[in-house]
Amino acid sequence: MNSQRAKEIMEASHLIQVQYHGIPVYLQKIHPEQQTATIFPLDNMEHEQIVDLEGLSE
């Protein structure tokens, strides 16, 4: 996923499902300069992590 699409998803007025290598996640913040995002799995909100945007998909 590119950083522009990730930003669009975060700003959307409706929920858009996003996965990180098949795991449903919540996008918390996009870091376009590093091509990364801060996410957490929907089933474990305390497991915040920074991941490559390439691993994200709709």
C-alpha atoms as a PDB file:
ATOM      1  CA  MET A   1       0.000   0.000   0.000  1.00  0.00           C
ATOM      2  CA  ASN A   2       1.311   3.460  -0.710  1.00  0.00           C
ATOM      3  CA  SER A   3       1.340   6.260   1.846  1.00  0.00           C
ATOM      4  CA  GLN A   4      -1.312   8.312   0.036  1.00  0.00           C
ATOM      5  CA  ARG A   5      -3.822   5.433   0.086  1.00  0.00           C
ATOM      6  CA  ALA A   6      -3.063   4.735   3.748  1.00  0.00           C
ATOM      7  CA  LYS A   7      -3.758   8.396   4.536  1.00  0.00           C
ATOM      8  CA  GLU A   8      -7.048   8.254   2.589  1.00  0.00           C
ATOM      9  CA  ILE A   9      -8.100   5.204   4.599  1.00  0.00           C
ATOM     10  CA  MET A  10      -7.319   6.933   7.885  1.00  0.00           C
ATOM     11  CA  GLU A  11      -9.314  10.024   6.863  1.00  0.00           C
ATOM     12  CA  ALA A  12     -12.300   8.107   5.470  1.00  0.00           C
ATOM     13  CA  SER A  13     -15.653   8.720   7.119  1.00  0.00           C
ATOM     14  CA  HIS A  14     -16.442   4.996   7.011  1.00  0.00           C
ATOM     15  CA  LEU A  15     -14.494   1.951   8.131  1.00  0.00           C
ATOM     16  CA  ILE A  16     -12.183   0.451   5.526  1.00  0.00           C
ATOM     17  CA  GLN A  17     -10.760  -2.918   6.464  1.00  0.00           C
ATOM     18  CA  VAL A  18      -6.966  -3.100   6.406  1.00  0.00           C
ATOM     19  CA  GLN A  19      -4.754  -6.107   6.985  1.00  0.00           C
ATOM     20  CA  TYR A  20      -1.078  -6.530   7.745  1.00  0.00           C
ATOM     21  CA  HIS A  21       0.026  -9.840   6.249  1.00  0.00           C
ATOM     22  CA  GLY A  22      -3.531 -11.143   6.624  1.00  0.00           C
ATOM     23  CA  ILE A  23      -4.123  -9.859  10.177  1.00  0.00           C
ATOM     24  CA  PRO A  24      -6.863  -7.205  10.573  1.00  0.00           C
ATOM     25  CA  VAL A  25      -5.298  -4.004  11.915  1.00  0.00           C
ATOM     26  CA  TYR A  26      -6.085  -0.413  12.822  1.00  0.00           C
ATOM     27  CA  LEU A  27      -3.984   2.313  11.197  1.00  0.00           C
ATOM     28  CA  GLN A  28      -2.974   4.758  13.888  1.00  0.00           C
ATOM     29  CA  LYS A  29      -0.383   6.931  12.119  1.00  0.00           C
ATOM     30  CA  ILE A  30       1.365   7.066   8.748  1.00  0.00           C
ATOM     31  CA  HIS A  31       5.074   7.939   8.448  1.00  0.00           C
ATOM     32  CA  PRO A  32       5.403   8.739   4.703  1.00  0.00           C
ATOM     33  CA  GLU A  33       9.077   9.720   4.858  1.00  0.00           C
ATOM     34  CA  GLN A  34      10.007   6.234   6.156  1.00  0.00           C
ATOM     35  CA  GLN A  35       7.241   4.420   4.224  1.00  0.00           C
ATOM     36  CA  THR A  36       5.971   2.957   7.519  1.00  0.00           C
ATOM     37  CA  ALA A  37       2.813   3.042   9.621  1.00  0.00           C
ATOM     38  CA  THR A  38       2.001   2.671  13.290  1.00  0.00           C
ATOM     39  CA  ILE A  39      -0.650  -0.030  13.644  1.00  0.00           C
ATOM     40  CA  PHE A  40      -2.156  -2.427  16.126  1.00  0.00           C
ATOM     41  CA  PRO A  41      -4.063  -5.681  15.570  1.00  0.00           C
ATOM     42  CA  LEU A  42      -7.791  -5.316  16.152  1.00  0.00           C
ATOM     43  CA  ASP A  43      -7.728  -8.261  18.553  1.00  0.00           C
ATOM     44  CA  ASN A  44      -4.790  -6.895  20.596  1.00  0.00           C
ATOM     45  CA  MET A  45      -4.951  -3.104  20.865  1.00  0.00           C
ATOM     46  CA  GLU A  46      -2.010  -3.015  23.266  1.00  0.00           C
ATOM     47  CA  HIS A  47       0.380  -4.496  20.678  1.00  0.00           C
ATOM     48  CA  GLU A  48       1.276  -1.266  18.855  1.00  0.00           C
ATOM     49  CA  GLN A  49       3.986  -1.639  16.241  1.00  0.00           C
ATOM     50  CA  ILE A  50       5.604   0.184  13.348  1.00  0.00           C
ATOM     51  CA  VAL A  51       5.505  -1.747  10.072  1.00  0.00           C
ATOM     52  CA  ASP A  52       6.386  -1.248   6.403  1.00  0.00           C
ATOM     53  CA  LEU A  53       3.538   0.052   4.253  1.00  0.00           C
ATOM     54  CA  GLU A  54       4.273  -2.733   1.771  1.00  0.00           C
ATOM     55  CA  GLY A  55       2.821  -5.283   4.210  1.00  0.00           C
ATOM     56  CA  LEU A  56      -0.561  -3.517   4.367  1.00  0.00           C
ATOM     57  CA  SER A  57      -3.480  -4.394   2.113  1.00  0.00           C
ATOM     58  CA  GLU A  58      -7.185  -3.643   1.836  1.00  0.00           C
END
